[in-house]
Amino acid sequence: MPFIARPMGLMTHQELAHVTAVLENPGLGEESPTTLTLLRACLEHRYRHDVGIGEAAGTAVAGNFEIELGEV
């Protein structure tokens, strides 16, 4: 799962779909489902509320809950 090495702020909707698909794999170890479930929840929240994180801040589409986290 090399996409997990990327910063969460640079992950796209496609990577969210990939995380969701990987979670359906019954052969995951003990810790992987917990980590991937947390990652999925964070990405779903980010896309639901138009949150930009890190280097991706400023790329979110304006919405009711637009929040940007990044270096100033």
PDB file of N, CA and C in Angstrom:
ATOM      1  N   MET A   1       0.826  -1.187   0.000  1.00  0.00           N
ATOM      2  CA  MET A   1       0.000   0.000   0.000  1.00  0.00           C
ATOM      3  C   MET A   1       0.870   1.251   0.000  1.00  0.00           C
ATOM      4  N   PRO A   2       1.583   1.521  -1.053  1.00  0.00           N
ATOM      5  CA  PRO A   2       2.493   2.666  -1.086  1.00  0.00           C
ATOM      6  C   PRO A   2       1.782   4.016  -1.006  1.00  0.00           C
ATOM      7  N   PHE A   3       0.498   4.096  -1.342  1.00  0.00           N
ATOM      8  CA  PHE A   3      -0.207   5.377  -1.285  1.00  0.00           C
ATOM      9  C   PHE A   3      -0.318   5.897   0.140  1.00  0.00           C
ATOM     10  N   ILE A   4      -0.198   5.025   1.124  1.00  0.00           N
ATOM     11  CA  ILE A   4      -0.299   5.456   2.516  1.00  0.00           C
ATOM     12  C   ILE A   4       0.929   6.260   2.927  1.00  0.00           C
ATOM     13  N   ALA A   5       2.013   6.132   2.207  1.00  0.00           N
ATOM     14  CA  ALA A   5       3.222   6.887   2.514  1.00  0.00           C
ATOM     15  C   ALA A   5       3.075   8.368   2.156  1.00  0.00           C
ATOM     16  N   ARG A   6       2.064   8.703   1.344  1.00  0.00           N
ATOM     17  CA  ARG A   6       1.835  10.102   0.961  1.00  0.00           C
ATOM     18  C   ARG A   6       1.200  10.864   2.121  1.00  0.00           C
ATOM     19  N   PRO A   7       1.460  12.156   2.222  1.00  0.00           N
ATOM     20  CA  PRO A   7       0.778  12.961   3.246  1.00  0.00           C
ATOM     21  C   PRO A   7      -0.734  12.945   3.007  1.00  0.00           C
ATOM     22  N   MET A   8      -1.506  12.870   4.079  1.00  0.00           N
ATOM     23  CA  MET A   8      -2.955  12.807   3.951  1.00  0.00           C
ATOM     24  C   MET A   8      -3.496  14.024   3.202  1.00  0.00           C
ATOM     25  N   GLY A   9      -2.857  15.169   3.361  1.00  0.00           N
ATOM     26  CA  GLY A   9      -3.305  16.378   2.689  1.00  0.00           C
ATOM     27  C   GLY A   9      -3.204  16.318   1.179  1.00  0.00           C
ATOM     28  N   LEU A  10      -2.425  15.377   0.654  1.00  0.00           N
ATOM     29  CA  LEU A  10      -2.272  15.240  -0.787  1.00  0.00           C
ATOM     30  C   LEU A  10      -3.104  14.100  -1.359  1.00  0.00           C
ATOM     31  N   MET A  11      -3.807  13.379  -0.501  1.00  0.00           N
ATOM     32  CA  MET A  11      -4.621  12.264  -0.966  1.00  0.00           C
ATOM     33  C   MET A  11      -5.877  12.779  -1.659  1.00  0.00           C
ATOM     34  N   THR A  12      -6.317  12.024  -2.657  1.00  0.00           N
ATOM     35  CA  THR A  12      -7.461  12.428  -3.464  1.00  0.00           C
ATOM     36  C   THR A  12      -8.657  11.519  -3.176  1.00  0.00           C
ATOM     37  N   HIS A  13      -9.784  11.825  -3.825  1.00  0.00           N
ATOM     38  CA  HIS A  13     -10.965  10.973  -3.717  1.00  0.00           C
ATOM     39  C   HIS A  13     -10.647   9.558  -4.206  1.00  0.00           C
ATOM     40  N   GLN A  14      -9.784   9.450  -5.179  1.00  0.00           N
ATOM     41  CA  GLN A  14      -9.403   8.135  -5.709  1.00  0.00           C
ATOM     42  C   GLN A  14      -8.711   7.304  -4.627  1.00  0.00           C
ATOM     43  N   GLU A  15      -7.867   7.940  -3.857  1.00  0.00           N
ATOM     44  CA  GLU A  15      -7.185   7.220  -2.778  1.00  0.00           C
ATOM     45  C   GLU A  15      -8.156   6.837  -1.666  1.00  0.00           C
ATOM     46  N   LEU A  16      -9.160   7.668  -1.430  1.00  0.00           N
ATOM     47  CA  LEU A  16     -10.209   7.306  -0.476  1.00  0.00           C
ATOM     48  C   LEU A  16     -10.927   6.048  -0.954  1.00  0.00           C
ATOM     49  N   ALA A  17     -11.239   5.981  -2.230  1.00  0.00           N
ATOM     50  CA  ALA A  17     -11.888   4.798  -2.792  1.00  0.00           C
ATOM     51  C   ALA A  17     -10.980   3.571  -2.656  1.00  0.00           C
ATOM     52  N   HIS A  18      -9.680   3.773  -2.845  1.00  0.00           N
ATOM     53  CA  HIS A  18      -8.718   2.667  -2.726  1.00  0.00           C
ATOM     54  C   HIS A  18      -8.670   2.169  -1.279  1.00  0.00           C
ATOM     55  N   VAL A  19      -8.649   3.083  -0.321  1.00  0.00           N
ATOM     56  CA  VAL A  19      -8.633   2.698   1.099  1.00  0.00           C
ATOM     57  C   VAL A  19      -9.882   1.882   1.416  1.00  0.00           C
ATOM     58  N   THR A  20     -11.018   2.333   0.931  1.00  0.00           N
ATOM     59  CA  THR A  20     -12.278   1.624   1.170  1.00  0.00           C
ATOM     60  C   THR A  20     -12.240   0.220   0.571  1.00  0.00           C
ATOM     61  N   ALA A  21     -11.699   0.098  -0.631  1.00  0.00           N
ATOM     62  CA  ALA A  21     -11.597  -1.215  -1.284  1.00  0.00           C
ATOM     63  C   ALA A  21     -10.652  -2.141  -0.524  1.00  0.00           C
ATOM     64  N   VAL A  22      -9.530  -1.604  -0.053  1.00  0.00           N
ATOM     65  CA  VAL A  22      -8.556  -2.426   0.676  1.00  0.00           C
ATOM     66  C   VAL A  22      -9.164  -2.927   1.983  1.00  0.00           C
ATOM     67  N   LEU A  23     -10.001  -2.111   2.624  1.00  0.00           N
ATOM     68  CA  LEU A  23     -10.629  -2.525   3.880  1.00  0.00           C
ATOM     69  C   LEU A  23     -11.535  -3.749   3.706  1.00  0.00           C
ATOM     70  N   GLU A  24     -11.980  -4.011   2.498  1.00  0.00           N
ATOM     71  CA  GLU A  24     -12.838  -5.163   2.249  1.00  0.00           C
ATOM     72  C   GLU A  24     -12.041  -6.459   2.142  1.00  0.00           C
ATOM     73  N   ASN A  25     -10.714  -6.367   2.143  1.00  0.00           N
ATOM     74  CA  ASN A  25      -9.848  -7.536   2.034  1.00  0.00           C
ATOM     75  C   ASN A  25      -9.810  -8.264   3.386  1.00  0.00           C
ATOM     76  N   PRO A  26     -10.288  -9.514   3.437  1.00  0.00           N
ATOM     77  CA  PRO A  26     -10.293 -10.241   4.712  1.00  0.00           C
ATOM     78  C   PRO A  26      -8.906 -10.679   5.167  1.00  0.00           C
ATOM     79  N   GLY A  27      -7.891 -10.540   4.330  1.00  0.00           N
ATOM     80  CA  GLY A  27      -6.548 -10.989   4.677  1.00  0.00           C
ATOM     81  C   GLY A  27      -5.674  -9.946   5.347  1.00  0.00           C
ATOM     82  N   LEU A  28      -6.244  -8.833   5.762  1.00  0.00           N
ATOM     83  CA  LEU A  28      -5.444  -7.794   6.422  1.00  0.00           C
ATOM     84  C   LEU A  28      -4.991  -8.270   7.800  1.00  0.00           C
ATOM     85  N   GLY A  29      -3.865  -7.759   8.258  1.00  0.00           N
ATOM     86  CA  GLY A  29      -3.374  -8.101   9.590  1.00  0.00           C
ATOM     87  C   GLY A  29      -4.252  -7.492  10.679  1.00  0.00           C
ATOM     88  N   GLU A  30      -3.767  -7.530  11.915  1.00  0.00           N
ATOM     89  CA  GLU A  30      -4.551  -7.033  13.044  1.00  0.00           C
ATOM     90  C   GLU A  30      -4.620  -5.516  13.109  1.00  0.00           C
ATOM     91  N   GLU A  31      -3.516  -4.835  12.808  1.00  0.00           N
ATOM     92  CA  GLU A  31      -3.467  -3.381  12.957  1.00  0.00           C
ATOM     93  C   GLU A  31      -3.944  -2.633  11.714  1.00  0.00           C
ATOM     94  N   SER A  32      -3.809  -3.225  10.555  1.00  0.00           N
ATOM     95  CA  SER A  32      -4.158  -2.535   9.313  1.00  0.00           C
ATOM     96  C   SER A  32      -5.601  -2.053   9.259  1.00  0.00           C
ATOM     97  N   PRO A  33      -6.593  -2.884   9.633  1.00  0.00           N
ATOM     98  CA  PRO A  33      -7.969  -2.393   9.562  1.00  0.00           C
ATOM     99  C   PRO A  33      -8.217  -1.168  10.444  1.00  0.00           C
ATOM    100  N   THR A  34      -7.612  -1.132  11.614  1.00  0.00           N
ATOM    101  CA  THR A  34      -7.791   0.009  12.512  1.00  0.00           C
ATOM    102  C   THR A  34      -7.201   1.276  11.894  1.00  0.00           C
ATOM    103  N   THR A  35      -5.994   1.154  11.372  1.00  0.00           N
ATOM    104  CA  THR A  35      -5.323   2.302  10.758  1.00  0.00           C
ATOM    105  C   THR A  35      -6.077   2.781   9.524  1.00  0.00           C
ATOM    106  N   LEU A  36      -6.474   1.841   8.675  1.00  0.00           N
ATOM    107  CA  LEU A  36      -7.189   2.212   7.447  1.00  0.00           C
ATOM    108  C   LEU A  36      -8.570   2.781   7.740  1.00  0.00           C
ATOM    109  N   THR A  37      -9.232   2.273   8.770  1.00  0.00           N
ATOM    110  CA  THR A  37     -10.544   2.816   9.147  1.00  0.00           C
ATOM    111  C   THR A  37     -10.402   4.260   9.615  1.00  0.00           C
ATOM    112  N   LEU A  38      -9.360   4.546  10.383  1.00  0.00           N
ATOM    113  CA  LEU A  38      -9.113   5.918  10.829  1.00  0.00           C
ATOM    114  C   LEU A  38      -8.793   6.822   9.645  1.00  0.00           C
ATOM    115  N   LEU A  39      -7.949   6.345   8.735  1.00  0.00           N
ATOM    116  CA  LEU A  39      -7.611   7.117   7.539  1.00  0.00           C
ATOM    117  C   LEU A  39      -8.867   7.392   6.712  1.00  0.00           C
ATOM    118  N   ARG A  40      -9.697   6.371   6.522  1.00  0.00           N
ATOM    119  CA  ARG A  40     -10.936   6.547   5.755  1.00  0.00           C
ATOM    120  C   ARG A  40     -11.841   7.583   6.420  1.00  0.00           C
ATOM    121  N   ALA A  41     -11.982   7.507   7.738  1.00  0.00           N
ATOM    122  CA  ALA A  41     -12.833   8.462   8.456  1.00  0.00           C
ATOM    123  C   ALA A  41     -12.314   9.891   8.292  1.00  0.00           C
ATOM    124  N   CYS A  42     -10.998  10.070   8.385  1.00  0.00           N
ATOM    125  CA  CYS A  42     -10.404  11.407   8.223  1.00  0.00           C
ATOM    126  C   CYS A  42     -10.627  11.942   6.807  1.00  0.00           C
ATOM    127  N   LEU A  43     -10.407  11.091   5.803  1.00  0.00           N
ATOM    128  CA  LEU A  43     -10.592  11.530   4.418  1.00  0.00           C
ATOM    129  C   LEU A  43     -12.061  11.813   4.123  1.00  0.00           C
ATOM    130  N   GLU A  44     -12.970  10.978   4.632  1.00  0.00           N
ATOM    131  CA  GLU A  44     -14.394  11.232   4.426  1.00  0.00           C
ATOM    132  C   GLU A  44     -14.802  12.551   5.055  1.00  0.00           C
ATOM    133  N   HIS A  45     -14.310  12.810   6.261  1.00  0.00           N
ATOM    134  CA  HIS A  45     -14.612  14.083   6.935  1.00  0.00           C
ATOM    135  C   HIS A  45     -14.046  15.248   6.134  1.00  0.00           C
ATOM    136  N   ARG A  46     -12.838  15.102   5.673  1.00  0.00           N
ATOM    137  CA  ARG A  46     -12.192  16.164   4.887  1.00  0.00           C
ATOM    138  C   ARG A  46     -13.014  16.501   3.647  1.00  0.00           C
ATOM    139  N   TYR A  47     -13.426  15.488   2.905  1.00  0.00           N
ATOM    140  CA  TYR A  47     -14.160  15.753   1.669  1.00  0.00           C
ATOM    141  C   TYR A  47     -15.600  16.169   1.934  1.00  0.00           C
ATOM    142  N   ARG A  48     -16.165  15.740   3.031  1.00  0.00           N
ATOM    143  CA  ARG A  48     -17.530  16.138   3.374  1.00  0.00           C
ATOM    144  C   ARG A  48     -17.587  17.615   3.757  1.00  0.00           C
ATOM    145  N   HIS A  49     -16.514  18.104   4.371  1.00  0.00           N
ATOM    146  CA  HIS A  49     -16.508  19.470   4.880  1.00  0.00           C
ATOM    147  C   HIS A  49     -15.519  20.389   4.177  1.00  0.00           C
ATOM    148  N   ASP A  50     -15.009  19.986   3.022  1.00  0.00           N
ATOM    149  CA  ASP A  50     -14.109  20.822   2.229  1.00  0.00           C
ATOM    150  C   ASP A  50     -12.919  21.328   3.036  1.00  0.00           C
ATOM    151  N   VAL A  51     -12.198  20.417   3.656  1.00  0.00           N
ATOM    152  CA  VAL A  51     -11.043  20.780   4.472  1.00  0.00           C
ATOM    153  C   VAL A  51      -9.779  20.562   3.659  1.00  0.00           C
ATOM    154  N   GLY A  52      -8.917  21.578   3.589  1.00  0.00           N
ATOM    155  CA  GLY A  52      -7.622  21.427   2.943  1.00  0.00           C
ATOM    156  C   GLY A  52      -6.563  21.238   4.010  1.00  0.00           C
ATOM    157  N   ILE A  53      -5.656  20.287   3.840  1.00  0.00           N
ATOM    158  CA  ILE A  53      -4.646  19.987   4.849  1.00  0.00           C
ATOM    159  C   ILE A  53      -3.266  20.112   4.224  1.00  0.00           C
ATOM    160  N   GLY A  54      -2.348  20.777   4.925  1.00  0.00           N
ATOM    161  CA  GLY A  54      -0.956  20.867   4.481  1.00  0.00           C
ATOM    162  C   GLY A  54      -0.818  21.546   3.137  1.00  0.00           C
ATOM    163  N   GLU A  55      -0.027  20.927   2.244  1.00  0.00           N
ATOM    164  CA  GLU A  55       0.246  21.504   0.936  1.00  0.00           C
ATOM    165  C   GLU A  55      -1.000  21.586   0.071  1.00  0.00           C
ATOM    166  N   ALA A  56      -2.007  20.788   0.384  1.00  0.00           N
ATOM    167  CA  ALA A  56      -3.239  20.798  -0.403  1.00  0.00           C
ATOM    168  C   ALA A  56      -4.168  21.931   0.028  1.00  0.00           C
ATOM    169  N   ALA A  57      -3.848  22.644   1.097  1.00  0.00           N
ATOM    170  CA  ALA A  57      -4.688  23.759   1.544  1.00  0.00           C
ATOM    171  C   ALA A  57      -4.804  24.775   0.411  1.00  0.00           C
ATOM    172  N   GLY A  58      -6.002  25.266   0.207  1.00  0.00           N
ATOM    173  CA  GLY A  58      -6.234  26.214  -0.867  1.00  0.00           C
ATOM    174  C   GLY A  58      -6.781  25.557  -2.115  1.00  0.00           C
ATOM    175  N   THR A  59      -6.743  24.223  -2.168  1.00  0.00           N
ATOM    176  CA  THR A  59      -7.262  23.529  -3.340  1.00  0.00           C
ATOM    177  C   THR A  59      -8.680  23.028  -3.127  1.00  0.00           C
ATOM    178  N   ALA A  60      -9.181  23.120  -1.900  1.00  0.00           N
ATOM    179  CA  ALA A  60     -10.542  22.658  -1.629  1.00  0.00           C
ATOM    180  C   ALA A  60     -11.549  23.601  -2.274  1.00  0.00           C
ATOM    181  N   VAL A  61     -12.666  23.049  -2.672  1.00  0.00           N
ATOM    182  CA  VAL A  61     -13.742  23.852  -3.238  1.00  0.00           C
ATOM    183  C   VAL A  61     -14.453  24.553  -2.091  1.00  0.00           C
ATOM    184  N   ALA A  62     -14.810  25.808  -2.268  1.00  0.00           N
ATOM    185  CA  ALA A  62     -15.480  26.561  -1.214  1.00  0.00           C
ATOM    186  C   ALA A  62     -16.765  25.862  -0.812  1.00  0.00           C
ATOM    187  N   GLY A  63     -17.021  25.773   0.493  1.00  0.00           N
ATOM    188  CA  GLY A  63     -18.229  25.142   1.003  1.00  0.00           C
ATOM    189  C   GLY A  63     -18.644  25.799   2.297  1.00  0.00           C
ATOM    190  N   ASN A  64     -19.647  25.258   2.924  1.00  0.00           N
ATOM    191  CA  ASN A  64     -20.154  25.823   4.168  1.00  0.00           C
ATOM    192  C   ASN A  64     -19.152  25.713   5.310  1.00  0.00           C
ATOM    193  N   PHE A  65     -18.263  24.726   5.250  1.00  0.00           N
ATOM    194  CA  PHE A  65     -17.339  24.475   6.345  1.00  0.00           C
ATOM    195  C   PHE A  65     -15.896  24.532   5.871  1.00  0.00           C
ATOM    196  N   GLU A  66     -15.552  25.470   5.039  1.00  0.00           N
ATOM    197  CA  GLU A  66     -14.206  25.509   4.466  1.00  0.00           C
ATOM    198  C   GLU A  66     -13.192  25.830   5.564  1.00  0.00           C
ATOM    199  N   ILE A  67     -12.242  24.928   5.743  1.00  0.00           N
ATOM    200  CA  ILE A  67     -11.184  25.063   6.740  1.00  0.00           C
ATOM    201  C   ILE A  67      -9.882  24.734   6.034  1.00  0.00           C
ATOM    202  N   GLU A  68      -8.842  25.507   6.268  1.00  0.00           N
ATOM    203  CA  GLU A  68      -7.538  25.199   5.697  1.00  0.00           C
ATOM    204  C   GLU A  68      -6.520  25.096   6.816  1.00  0.00           C
ATOM    205  N   LEU A  69      -5.719  24.055   6.780  1.00  0.00           N
ATOM    206  CA  LEU A  69      -4.628  23.878   7.725  1.00  0.00           C
ATOM    207  C   LEU A  69      -3.342  23.857   6.910  1.00  0.00           C
ATOM    208  N   GLY A  70      -2.418  24.691   7.257  1.00  0.00           N
ATOM    209  CA  GLY A  70      -1.162  24.722   6.531  1.00  0.00           C
ATOM    210  C   GLY A  70      -0.214  25.703   7.164  1.00  0.00           C
ATOM    211  N   GLU A  71       0.943  25.817   6.596  1.00  0.00           N
ATOM    212  CA  GLU A  71       1.936  26.735   7.109  1.00  0.00           C
ATOM    213  C   GLU A  71       1.676  28.133   6.590  1.00  0.00           C
ATOM    214  N   VAL A  72       1.854  29.097   7.465  1.00  0.00           N
ATOM    215  CA  VAL A  72       1.646  30.503   7.093  1.00  0.00           C
ATOM    216  C   VAL A  72       2.986  31.172   6.948  1.00  0.00           C
TER     217      VAL A  72
END
